[in-house]
């Protein structure tokens, strides 16, 4: 499986991440996904450059499938990549694993917007170029 523009991130489960059932709270995954998106943008594009050009990413949907629970002291690894692009949207995919076993899958659909008008705009050319360069040749 091709994972264009991927990033890997070790995740430390903290005591404040744990809910009353003894596993990672669902809301924590949203924060971890944000950490992954920031890592992806810092590695492959400059988030600061986008903001300076009055561009930001806005999430349209988030979908999370919880396969297995994550508990305190688990060693979590996470990966995010760009799954696809259209003229206006970017789809991101992520996976979390403990000891190499997938625990969670997540997807984001997002659009880039102009910070001055808050209207959607085309996916920036740098994103298209880097995504296309990361694709295997047919």
N, C-alpha and C. Protein backbone atom coordinates (compact mmCIF):
# COMPACT_ATOMS: atom_id res chain seq x y z
N UNK A 1 0.85 -1.18 0.00
CA UNK A 1 0.00 0.00 0.00
C UNK A 1 0.89 1.24 0.00
N UNK A 2 0.61 2.15 -0.91
CA UNK A 2 1.34 3.40 -0.99
C UNK A 2 0.83 4.36 0.07
N UNK A 3 1.76 5.04 0.73
CA UNK A 3 1.40 6.02 1.76
C UNK A 3 2.13 7.32 1.46
N UNK A 4 1.60 8.09 0.50
CA UNK A 4 2.28 9.31 0.09
C UNK A 4 2.38 10.33 1.22
N UNK A 5 3.54 10.96 1.30
CA UNK A 5 3.79 12.05 2.25
C UNK A 5 3.52 11.62 3.69
N UNK A 6 3.95 10.42 4.03
CA UNK A 6 3.66 9.90 5.36
C UNK A 6 4.59 10.47 6.42
N UNK A 7 4.09 10.45 7.64
CA UNK A 7 4.88 10.78 8.82
C UNK A 7 4.58 9.74 9.89
N UNK A 8 5.58 9.46 10.69
CA UNK A 8 5.45 8.54 11.81
C UNK A 8 5.68 9.33 13.09
N UNK A 9 4.94 8.97 14.12
CA UNK A 9 5.05 9.69 15.38
C UNK A 9 4.86 8.72 16.54
N UNK A 10 5.84 8.64 17.45
CA UNK A 10 5.59 7.86 18.66
C UNK A 10 4.65 8.65 19.56
N UNK A 11 3.74 7.96 20.20
CA UNK A 11 2.75 8.60 21.07
C UNK A 11 2.97 8.12 22.50
N UNK A 12 3.07 9.04 23.41
CA UNK A 12 3.16 8.70 24.83
C UNK A 12 1.77 8.82 25.45
N UNK A 13 1.28 7.71 25.97
CA UNK A 13 -0.02 7.73 26.65
C UNK A 13 0.21 8.31 28.04
N UNK A 14 -0.53 9.35 28.35
CA UNK A 14 -0.41 10.05 29.64
C UNK A 14 -1.57 9.64 30.55
N UNK A 15 -1.39 9.83 31.83
CA UNK A 15 -2.46 9.49 32.77
C UNK A 15 -3.72 10.28 32.47
N UNK A 16 -3.59 11.51 32.02
CA UNK A 16 -4.77 12.33 31.72
C UNK A 16 -5.46 11.92 30.41
N UNK A 17 -4.86 10.99 29.66
CA UNK A 17 -5.48 10.47 28.44
C UNK A 17 -6.48 9.34 28.73
N UNK A 18 -6.46 8.83 29.94
CA UNK A 18 -7.22 7.63 30.29
C UNK A 18 -8.61 8.01 30.82
N UNK A 19 -9.63 7.28 30.36
CA UNK A 19 -10.99 7.55 30.83
C UNK A 19 -11.37 6.60 31.97
N UNK A 20 -12.60 6.66 32.40
CA UNK A 20 -13.05 5.87 33.55
C UNK A 20 -13.03 4.37 33.29
N UNK A 21 -13.00 3.96 32.02
CA UNK A 21 -12.94 2.53 31.70
C UNK A 21 -11.51 2.00 31.65
N UNK A 22 -10.53 2.92 31.85
CA UNK A 22 -9.13 2.49 31.91
C UNK A 22 -8.41 2.47 30.57
N UNK A 23 -9.05 2.99 29.53
CA UNK A 23 -8.36 3.07 28.24
C UNK A 23 -8.37 4.51 27.74
N UNK A 24 -7.65 4.74 26.64
CA UNK A 24 -7.53 6.09 26.11
C UNK A 24 -8.92 6.60 25.71
N UNK A 25 -9.24 7.79 26.16
CA UNK A 25 -10.52 8.42 25.87
C UNK A 25 -10.63 8.74 24.38
N UNK A 26 -11.82 8.63 23.83
CA UNK A 26 -12.04 8.90 22.40
C UNK A 26 -11.57 10.30 22.00
N UNK A 27 -11.75 11.28 22.85
CA UNK A 27 -11.39 12.66 22.51
C UNK A 27 -9.88 12.82 22.34
N UNK A 28 -9.11 11.98 23.00
CA UNK A 28 -7.65 12.06 22.91
C UNK A 28 -7.18 11.79 21.48
N UNK A 29 -7.88 10.91 20.79
CA UNK A 29 -7.50 10.60 19.41
C UNK A 29 -7.58 11.85 18.53
N UNK A 30 -8.52 12.73 18.80
CA UNK A 30 -8.63 13.98 18.04
C UNK A 30 -7.36 14.81 18.22
N UNK A 31 -6.87 14.88 19.46
CA UNK A 31 -5.63 15.62 19.73
C UNK A 31 -4.45 14.95 19.02
N UNK A 32 -4.38 13.63 19.10
CA UNK A 32 -3.29 12.91 18.44
C UNK A 32 -3.34 13.12 16.93
N UNK A 33 -4.53 13.15 16.35
CA UNK A 33 -4.65 13.40 14.91
C UNK A 33 -4.16 14.81 14.56
N UNK A 34 -4.45 15.76 15.43
CA UNK A 34 -3.94 17.12 15.22
C UNK A 34 -2.42 17.13 15.28
N UNK A 35 -1.83 16.42 16.22
CA UNK A 35 -0.37 16.32 16.30
C UNK A 35 0.20 15.72 15.01
N UNK A 36 -0.47 14.69 14.50
CA UNK A 36 -0.02 14.07 13.25
C UNK A 36 -0.12 15.04 12.07
N UNK A 37 -1.23 15.78 11.97
CA UNK A 37 -1.38 16.75 10.87
C UNK A 37 -0.30 17.82 10.93
N UNK A 38 -0.04 18.31 12.12
CA UNK A 38 1.02 19.32 12.26
C UNK A 38 2.38 18.75 11.86
N UNK A 39 2.66 17.52 12.25
CA UNK A 39 3.91 16.86 11.88
C UNK A 39 4.00 16.68 10.36
N UNK A 40 2.90 16.27 9.74
CA UNK A 40 2.87 16.08 8.29
C UNK A 40 3.16 17.40 7.57
N UNK A 41 2.50 18.48 8.03
CA UNK A 41 2.70 19.76 7.37
C UNK A 41 4.12 20.29 7.60
N UNK A 42 4.65 20.11 8.79
CA UNK A 42 6.00 20.60 9.05
C UNK A 42 7.05 19.80 8.28
N UNK A 43 6.80 18.52 8.06
CA UNK A 43 7.77 17.70 7.32
C UNK A 43 7.70 17.95 5.81
N UNK A 44 6.49 18.08 5.27
CA UNK A 44 6.34 18.10 3.81
C UNK A 44 6.02 19.47 3.22
N UNK A 45 5.45 20.35 4.00
CA UNK A 45 5.10 21.71 3.56
C UNK A 45 5.36 22.61 4.76
N UNK A 46 5.40 23.87 4.54
CA UNK A 46 5.59 24.77 5.67
C UNK A 46 4.25 25.35 6.09
N UNK A 47 3.78 24.95 7.26
CA UNK A 47 2.53 25.51 7.78
C UNK A 47 2.67 27.03 7.94
N UNK A 48 3.83 27.45 8.41
CA UNK A 48 4.06 28.89 8.58
C UNK A 48 3.95 29.63 7.25
N UNK A 49 4.49 29.04 6.18
CA UNK A 49 4.40 29.67 4.85
C UNK A 49 2.94 29.75 4.40
N UNK A 50 2.17 28.70 4.66
CA UNK A 50 0.75 28.74 4.30
C UNK A 50 0.04 29.89 5.03
N UNK A 51 0.27 29.99 6.31
CA UNK A 51 -0.39 31.05 7.09
C UNK A 51 0.05 32.43 6.60
N UNK A 52 1.33 32.56 6.27
CA UNK A 52 1.81 33.84 5.75
C UNK A 52 1.17 34.19 4.41
N UNK A 53 0.74 33.15 3.68
CA UNK A 53 0.03 33.36 2.41
C UNK A 53 -1.49 33.38 2.60
N UNK A 54 -1.92 33.47 3.87
CA UNK A 54 -3.34 33.52 4.21
C UNK A 54 -4.10 32.26 3.81
N UNK A 55 -3.45 31.11 3.99
CA UNK A 55 -4.05 29.82 3.68
C UNK A 55 -4.03 28.96 4.94
N UNK A 56 -5.12 28.26 5.20
CA UNK A 56 -5.13 27.29 6.28
C UNK A 56 -5.98 26.08 5.88
N UNK A 57 -5.82 25.01 6.62
CA UNK A 57 -6.57 23.79 6.38
C UNK A 57 -7.72 23.73 7.36
N UNK A 58 -8.91 23.42 6.86
CA UNK A 58 -10.10 23.29 7.70
C UNK A 58 -10.68 21.90 7.49
N UNK A 59 -10.90 21.19 8.60
CA UNK A 59 -11.47 19.85 8.52
C UNK A 59 -12.95 19.91 8.17
N UNK A 60 -13.36 19.04 7.26
CA UNK A 60 -14.77 18.92 6.91
C UNK A 60 -15.38 17.70 7.60
N UNK A 61 -14.63 16.60 7.65
CA UNK A 61 -15.11 15.39 8.32
C UNK A 61 -13.95 14.69 9.02
N UNK A 62 -14.30 13.98 10.07
CA UNK A 62 -13.35 13.10 10.76
C UNK A 62 -14.09 11.81 11.03
N UNK A 63 -13.45 10.71 10.71
CA UNK A 63 -14.03 9.39 10.95
C UNK A 63 -12.97 8.55 11.66
N UNK A 64 -13.35 7.91 12.76
CA UNK A 64 -12.42 7.09 13.51
C UNK A 64 -13.04 5.72 13.75
N UNK A 65 -12.29 4.67 13.43
CA UNK A 65 -12.69 3.29 13.73
C UNK A 65 -11.78 2.77 14.83
N UNK A 66 -12.36 2.45 15.96
CA UNK A 66 -11.61 1.92 17.10
C UNK A 66 -11.63 0.39 17.02
N UNK A 67 -10.48 -0.20 16.78
CA UNK A 67 -10.37 -1.65 16.61
C UNK A 67 -10.04 -2.34 17.94
N UNK A 68 -9.11 -1.76 18.69
CA UNK A 68 -8.66 -2.30 19.97
C UNK A 68 -8.38 -1.11 20.88
N UNK A 69 -8.59 -1.28 22.16
CA UNK A 69 -8.33 -0.18 23.08
C UNK A 69 -6.84 0.00 23.32
N UNK A 70 -6.48 1.22 23.64
CA UNK A 70 -5.11 1.56 24.04
C UNK A 70 -5.17 1.91 25.52
N UNK A 71 -4.21 1.40 26.27
CA UNK A 71 -4.19 1.59 27.72
C UNK A 71 -2.91 2.30 28.16
N UNK A 72 -2.93 2.75 29.40
CA UNK A 72 -1.76 3.38 29.98
C UNK A 72 -0.56 2.44 29.88
N UNK A 73 0.58 2.99 29.55
CA UNK A 73 1.86 2.29 29.40
C UNK A 73 2.01 1.56 28.07
N UNK A 74 0.97 1.54 27.22
CA UNK A 74 1.13 0.97 25.88
C UNK A 74 2.09 1.85 25.08
N UNK A 75 2.88 1.23 24.23
CA UNK A 75 3.79 1.95 23.34
C UNK A 75 3.08 2.11 22.00
N UNK A 76 2.64 3.33 21.75
CA UNK A 76 1.82 3.61 20.58
C UNK A 76 2.67 4.24 19.48
N UNK A 77 2.48 3.74 18.27
CA UNK A 77 3.06 4.39 17.10
C UNK A 77 1.91 4.84 16.22
N UNK A 78 2.10 5.98 15.58
CA UNK A 78 1.05 6.52 14.71
C UNK A 78 1.65 6.92 13.39
N UNK A 79 0.85 6.82 12.36
CA UNK A 79 1.28 7.23 11.03
C UNK A 79 0.13 7.94 10.34
N UNK A 80 0.46 9.00 9.61
CA UNK A 80 -0.52 9.72 8.81
C UNK A 80 0.06 9.95 7.42
N UNK A 81 -0.82 9.93 6.41
CA UNK A 81 -0.39 10.19 5.05
C UNK A 81 -1.53 10.83 4.28
N UNK A 82 -1.19 11.37 3.12
CA UNK A 82 -2.19 11.95 2.23
C UNK A 82 -2.71 10.82 1.36
N UNK A 83 -4.00 10.54 1.52
CA UNK A 83 -4.59 9.44 0.76
C UNK A 83 -4.97 9.86 -0.65
N UNK A 84 -5.53 11.07 -0.78
CA UNK A 84 -5.94 11.54 -2.11
C UNK A 84 -6.13 13.04 -2.11
N UNK A 85 -6.16 13.58 -3.32
CA UNK A 85 -6.42 15.01 -3.54
C UNK A 85 -7.44 15.16 -4.66
N UNK A 86 -8.26 16.18 -4.55
CA UNK A 86 -9.07 16.64 -5.67
C UNK A 86 -8.68 18.10 -5.87
N UNK A 87 -9.39 18.80 -6.74
CA UNK A 87 -9.09 20.22 -6.92
C UNK A 87 -9.26 21.01 -5.63
N UNK A 88 -10.21 20.60 -4.80
CA UNK A 88 -10.54 21.40 -3.62
C UNK A 88 -10.35 20.68 -2.29
N UNK A 89 -10.20 19.35 -2.30
CA UNK A 89 -10.13 18.64 -1.03
C UNK A 89 -8.84 17.82 -0.90
N UNK A 90 -8.50 17.58 0.34
CA UNK A 90 -7.39 16.70 0.67
C UNK A 90 -7.94 15.66 1.64
N UNK A 91 -7.61 14.40 1.40
CA UNK A 91 -8.03 13.33 2.31
C UNK A 91 -6.78 12.77 2.97
N UNK A 92 -6.84 12.78 4.30
CA UNK A 92 -5.74 12.28 5.11
C UNK A 92 -6.18 10.99 5.79
N UNK A 93 -5.25 10.09 5.95
CA UNK A 93 -5.55 8.83 6.62
C UNK A 93 -4.51 8.60 7.71
N UNK A 94 -4.92 7.97 8.79
CA UNK A 94 -4.01 7.70 9.90
C UNK A 94 -4.27 6.33 10.49
N UNK A 95 -3.23 5.77 11.06
CA UNK A 95 -3.34 4.51 11.79
C UNK A 95 -2.54 4.61 13.08
N UNK A 96 -3.08 3.99 14.12
CA UNK A 96 -2.40 3.88 15.40
C UNK A 96 -2.18 2.40 15.65
N UNK A 97 -1.04 2.06 16.27
CA UNK A 97 -0.73 0.66 16.55
C UNK A 97 -0.02 0.55 17.90
N UNK A 98 -0.18 -0.61 18.52
CA UNK A 98 0.54 -0.96 19.73
C UNK A 98 1.24 -2.28 19.46
N UNK A 99 2.55 -2.29 19.64
CA UNK A 99 3.34 -3.51 19.39
C UNK A 99 3.08 -4.06 17.98
N UNK A 100 2.96 -3.16 17.01
CA UNK A 100 2.77 -3.56 15.63
C UNK A 100 1.36 -3.99 15.26
N UNK A 101 0.44 -3.99 16.22
CA UNK A 101 -0.94 -4.39 15.94
C UNK A 101 -1.81 -3.14 15.84
N UNK A 102 -2.53 -3.02 14.71
CA UNK A 102 -3.37 -1.86 14.48
C UNK A 102 -4.47 -1.79 15.53
N UNK A 103 -4.60 -0.61 16.14
CA UNK A 103 -5.65 -0.39 17.13
C UNK A 103 -6.74 0.53 16.62
N UNK A 104 -6.35 1.45 15.73
CA UNK A 104 -7.28 2.50 15.33
C UNK A 104 -6.96 2.96 13.91
N UNK A 105 -8.02 3.25 13.15
CA UNK A 105 -7.89 3.86 11.83
C UNK A 105 -8.68 5.16 11.84
N UNK A 106 -8.18 6.16 11.13
CA UNK A 106 -8.89 7.43 11.08
C UNK A 106 -8.73 8.06 9.71
N UNK A 107 -9.75 8.86 9.32
CA UNK A 107 -9.74 9.58 8.06
C UNK A 107 -10.19 11.01 8.30
N UNK A 108 -9.58 11.91 7.56
CA UNK A 108 -10.02 13.31 7.54
C UNK A 108 -10.30 13.70 6.10
N UNK A 109 -11.31 14.47 5.90
CA UNK A 109 -11.53 15.17 4.64
C UNK A 109 -11.42 16.65 5.00
N UNK A 110 -10.65 17.40 4.23
CA UNK A 110 -10.41 18.79 4.58
C UNK A 110 -10.32 19.65 3.32
N UNK A 111 -10.48 20.93 3.53
CA UNK A 111 -10.33 21.91 2.45
C UNK A 111 -9.37 22.99 2.90
N UNK A 112 -8.72 23.58 1.95
CA UNK A 112 -7.90 24.76 2.23
C UNK A 112 -8.80 25.97 2.07
N UNK A 113 -8.63 26.93 2.96
CA UNK A 113 -9.43 28.16 2.87
C UNK A 113 -8.51 29.37 2.92
N UNK A 114 -9.02 30.45 2.36
CA UNK A 114 -8.34 31.73 2.40
C UNK A 114 -8.68 32.37 3.75
N UNK A 115 -7.67 32.70 4.54
CA UNK A 115 -7.90 33.25 5.88
C UNK A 115 -8.58 34.62 5.86
N UNK A 116 -8.45 35.35 4.76
CA UNK A 116 -9.09 36.67 4.69
C UNK A 116 -10.58 36.56 4.44
N UNK A 117 -10.97 35.61 3.59
CA UNK A 117 -12.38 35.49 3.20
C UNK A 117 -13.07 34.30 3.83
N UNK A 118 -12.28 33.35 4.34
CA UNK A 118 -12.75 32.07 4.88
C UNK A 118 -13.51 31.25 3.83
N UNK A 119 -13.21 31.50 2.58
CA UNK A 119 -13.80 30.72 1.48
C UNK A 119 -12.80 29.66 1.02
N UNK A 120 -13.34 28.51 0.60
CA UNK A 120 -12.46 27.45 0.09
C UNK A 120 -11.66 27.93 -1.12
N UNK A 121 -10.51 27.33 -1.27
CA UNK A 121 -9.66 27.62 -2.43
C UNK A 121 -9.06 26.31 -2.92
N UNK A 122 -8.47 26.36 -4.08
CA UNK A 122 -7.85 25.15 -4.63
C UNK A 122 -6.74 24.65 -3.72
N UNK A 123 -6.51 23.35 -3.77
CA UNK A 123 -5.39 22.78 -3.04
C UNK A 123 -4.12 23.46 -3.56
N UNK A 124 -3.28 23.98 -2.68
CA UNK A 124 -2.07 24.69 -3.11
C UNK A 124 -1.17 23.83 -4.01
N UNK A 125 -0.52 24.48 -4.94
CA UNK A 125 0.31 23.79 -5.92
C UNK A 125 1.42 22.98 -5.26
N UNK A 126 2.02 23.49 -4.19
CA UNK A 126 3.09 22.76 -3.51
C UNK A 126 2.58 21.42 -2.97
N UNK A 127 1.35 21.38 -2.52
CA UNK A 127 0.76 20.13 -2.03
C UNK A 127 0.56 19.17 -3.19
N UNK A 128 0.03 19.68 -4.30
CA UNK A 128 -0.16 18.82 -5.49
C UNK A 128 1.15 18.26 -6.00
N UNK A 129 2.15 19.13 -6.09
CA UNK A 129 3.45 18.71 -6.61
C UNK A 129 4.07 17.64 -5.73
N UNK A 130 4.12 17.87 -4.44
CA UNK A 130 4.73 16.89 -3.53
C UNK A 130 3.95 15.58 -3.51
N UNK A 131 2.62 15.68 -3.56
CA UNK A 131 1.80 14.46 -3.60
C UNK A 131 2.10 13.67 -4.87
N UNK A 132 2.11 14.34 -6.01
CA UNK A 132 2.37 13.66 -7.28
C UNK A 132 3.78 13.07 -7.33
N UNK A 133 4.76 13.78 -6.77
CA UNK A 133 6.13 13.26 -6.73
C UNK A 133 6.26 12.02 -5.86
N UNK A 134 5.39 11.88 -4.88
CA UNK A 134 5.47 10.75 -3.95
C UNK A 134 4.75 9.50 -4.48
N UNK A 135 4.04 9.64 -5.59
CA UNK A 135 3.31 8.51 -6.16
C UNK A 135 4.24 7.63 -6.97
N UNK A 136 4.06 6.31 -6.88
CA UNK A 136 4.89 5.42 -7.71
C UNK A 136 4.52 5.58 -9.19
N UNK A 137 5.51 5.40 -10.04
CA UNK A 137 5.26 5.48 -11.47
C UNK A 137 4.47 4.26 -11.92
N UNK A 138 3.55 4.44 -12.90
CA UNK A 138 2.76 3.29 -13.38
C UNK A 138 3.59 2.29 -14.13
